[in-house]
Amino acid sequence: MSQDNLVITNAYPVAFKWKDFLLVFLTVSVFSFVASALSSNLSVKKINHLNQDL
């Protein structure tokens, strides 16, 4: 039973590092901020354009 667990553990060598979590968190945060800023900026421009047509 313990040798089966050992084989599975050796088959997937993974090391969790706090720097990796921080890097992923920061990367996702930056991309999310840029995407939401672009989306809101385009929405405001479109609403302003529609208001001018009225």
N, C-alpha and C. Protein backbone atom coordinates (compact mmCIF):
# COMPACT_ATOMS: atom_id res chain seq x y z
N MET A 1 0.83 -1.18 0.00
CA MET A 1 0.00 0.00 0.00
C MET A 1 0.88 1.25 0.00
N SER A 2 1.92 1.27 0.82
CA SER A 2 2.78 2.45 0.87
C SER A 2 3.62 2.59 -0.40
N GLN A 3 3.94 1.47 -1.04
CA GLN A 3 4.71 1.56 -2.28
C GLN A 3 3.86 2.12 -3.42
N ASP A 4 2.56 1.85 -3.42
CA ASP A 4 1.67 2.43 -4.43
C ASP A 4 1.64 3.94 -4.29
N ASN A 5 1.54 4.42 -3.08
CA ASN A 5 1.53 5.86 -2.84
C ASN A 5 2.87 6.48 -3.24
N LEU A 6 3.94 5.77 -3.00
CA LEU A 6 5.27 6.27 -3.33
C LEU A 6 5.44 6.39 -4.85
N VAL A 7 4.92 5.44 -5.59
CA VAL A 7 5.01 5.48 -7.05
C VAL A 7 4.22 6.65 -7.59
N ILE A 8 3.02 6.88 -7.09
CA ILE A 8 2.20 8.00 -7.54
C ILE A 8 2.88 9.32 -7.19
N THR A 9 3.46 9.42 -6.02
CA THR A 9 4.14 10.64 -5.62
C THR A 9 5.34 10.91 -6.50
N ASN A 10 6.09 9.90 -6.86
CA ASN A 10 7.25 10.09 -7.71
C ASN A 10 6.86 10.38 -9.16
N ALA A 11 5.68 9.95 -9.56
CA ALA A 11 5.25 10.18 -10.93
C ALA A 11 4.88 11.64 -11.16
N TYR A 12 4.48 12.35 -10.11
CA TYR A 12 4.07 13.75 -10.23
C TYR A 12 4.91 14.61 -9.30
N PRO A 13 6.13 14.93 -9.69
CA PRO A 13 6.97 15.75 -8.80
C PRO A 13 6.52 17.22 -8.83
N VAL A 14 5.89 17.65 -7.77
CA VAL A 14 5.35 19.00 -7.69
C VAL A 14 5.86 19.64 -6.41
N ALA A 15 6.30 20.87 -6.55
CA ALA A 15 6.70 21.64 -5.37
C ALA A 15 5.94 22.95 -5.39
N PHE A 16 5.21 23.23 -4.33
CA PHE A 16 4.46 24.46 -4.21
C PHE A 16 5.33 25.52 -3.57
N LYS A 17 5.49 26.64 -4.26
CA LYS A 17 6.30 27.73 -3.73
C LYS A 17 5.43 28.97 -3.62
N TRP A 18 5.59 29.73 -2.57
CA TRP A 18 4.75 30.91 -2.36
C TRP A 18 5.01 31.97 -3.42
N LYS A 19 6.23 31.99 -3.98
CA LYS A 19 6.53 32.96 -5.04
C LYS A 19 5.71 32.68 -6.29
N ASP A 20 5.50 31.39 -6.60
CA ASP A 20 4.69 31.02 -7.76
C ASP A 20 3.24 31.48 -7.57
N PHE A 21 2.70 31.25 -6.37
CA PHE A 21 1.33 31.69 -6.10
C PHE A 21 1.22 33.21 -6.22
N LEU A 22 2.21 33.92 -5.71
CA LEU A 22 2.20 35.38 -5.77
C LEU A 22 2.29 35.85 -7.21
N LEU A 23 3.16 35.23 -8.00
CA LEU A 23 3.31 35.60 -9.40
C LEU A 23 2.03 35.37 -10.19
N VAL A 24 1.40 34.24 -9.98
CA VAL A 24 0.13 33.94 -10.66
C VAL A 24 -0.95 34.92 -10.23
N PHE A 25 -1.03 35.21 -8.93
CA PHE A 25 -2.03 36.15 -8.43
C PHE A 25 -1.84 37.53 -9.04
N LEU A 26 -0.61 38.00 -9.07
CA LEU A 26 -0.34 39.33 -9.63
C LEU A 26 -0.62 39.37 -11.13
N THR A 27 -0.24 38.32 -11.84
CA THR A 27 -0.48 38.27 -13.29
C THR A 27 -1.97 38.29 -13.59
N VAL A 28 -2.73 37.47 -12.90
CA VAL A 28 -4.18 37.43 -13.11
C VAL A 28 -4.81 38.77 -12.73
N SER A 29 -4.34 39.38 -11.66
CA SER A 29 -4.87 40.67 -11.23
C SER A 29 -4.62 41.75 -12.27
N VAL A 30 -3.42 41.80 -12.82
CA VAL A 30 -3.08 42.81 -13.82
C VAL A 30 -3.93 42.61 -15.08
N PHE A 31 -4.01 41.38 -15.58
CA PHE A 31 -4.81 41.13 -16.77
C PHE A 31 -6.29 41.44 -16.53
N SER A 32 -6.79 41.10 -15.36
CA SER A 32 -8.19 41.39 -15.04
C SER A 32 -8.44 42.88 -14.98
N PHE A 33 -7.52 43.63 -14.37
CA PHE A 33 -7.67 45.08 -14.29
C PHE A 33 -7.65 45.72 -15.67
N VAL A 34 -6.72 45.30 -16.53
CA VAL A 34 -6.62 45.86 -17.88
C VAL A 34 -7.89 45.52 -18.67
N ALA A 35 -8.37 44.30 -18.58
CA ALA A 35 -9.56 43.91 -19.33
C ALA A 35 -10.79 44.69 -18.86
N SER A 36 -10.94 44.85 -17.56
CA SER A 36 -12.11 45.59 -17.06
C SER A 36 -11.99 47.07 -17.38
N ALA A 37 -10.79 47.64 -17.34
CA ALA A 37 -10.60 49.05 -17.68
C ALA A 37 -10.92 49.30 -19.15
N LEU A 38 -10.45 48.42 -20.03
CA LEU A 38 -10.76 48.56 -21.46
C LEU A 38 -12.26 48.43 -21.71
N SER A 39 -12.86 47.45 -21.09
CA SER A 39 -14.28 47.22 -21.29
C SER A 39 -15.11 48.41 -20.80
N SER A 40 -14.81 48.92 -19.63
CA SER A 40 -15.58 50.06 -19.11
C SER A 40 -15.32 51.31 -19.93
N ASN A 41 -14.10 51.50 -20.39
CA ASN A 41 -13.78 52.67 -21.21
C ASN A 41 -14.55 52.62 -22.54
N LEU A 42 -14.59 51.47 -23.18
CA LEU A 42 -15.33 51.34 -24.43
C LEU A 42 -16.83 51.51 -24.21
N SER A 43 -17.33 51.02 -23.10
CA SER A 43 -18.76 51.16 -22.80
C SER A 43 -19.12 52.61 -22.60
N VAL A 44 -18.31 53.36 -21.88
CA VAL A 44 -18.58 54.77 -21.64
C VAL A 44 -18.54 55.54 -22.95
N LYS A 45 -17.58 55.25 -23.80
CA LYS A 45 -17.50 55.93 -25.09
C LYS A 45 -18.74 55.65 -25.93
N LYS A 46 -19.20 54.40 -25.92
CA LYS A 46 -20.38 54.03 -26.70
C LYS A 46 -21.63 54.72 -26.16
N ILE A 47 -21.76 54.79 -24.83
CA ILE A 47 -22.92 55.46 -24.23
C ILE A 47 -22.88 56.95 -24.54
N ASN A 48 -21.73 57.58 -24.48
CA ASN A 48 -21.62 58.99 -24.80
C ASN A 48 -21.97 59.24 -26.27
N HIS A 49 -21.54 58.35 -27.15
CA HIS A 49 -21.86 58.49 -28.58
C HIS A 49 -23.37 58.36 -28.80
N LEU A 50 -24.00 57.41 -28.10
CA LEU A 50 -25.45 57.24 -28.24
C LEU A 50 -26.21 58.45 -27.70
N ASN A 51 -25.74 59.02 -26.59
CA ASN A 51 -26.39 60.20 -26.02
C ASN A 51 -26.27 61.40 -26.95
N GLN A 52 -25.17 61.52 -27.67
CA GLN A 52 -25.02 62.63 -28.60
C GLN A 52 -25.96 62.50 -29.80
N ASP A 53 -26.24 61.26 -30.20
CA ASP A 53 -27.16 61.05 -31.31
C ASP A 53 -28.60 61.41 -30.95
N LEU A 54 -28.95 61.32 -29.68
CA LEU A 54 -30.30 61.67 -29.26
C LEU A 54 -30.41 63.17 -29.23
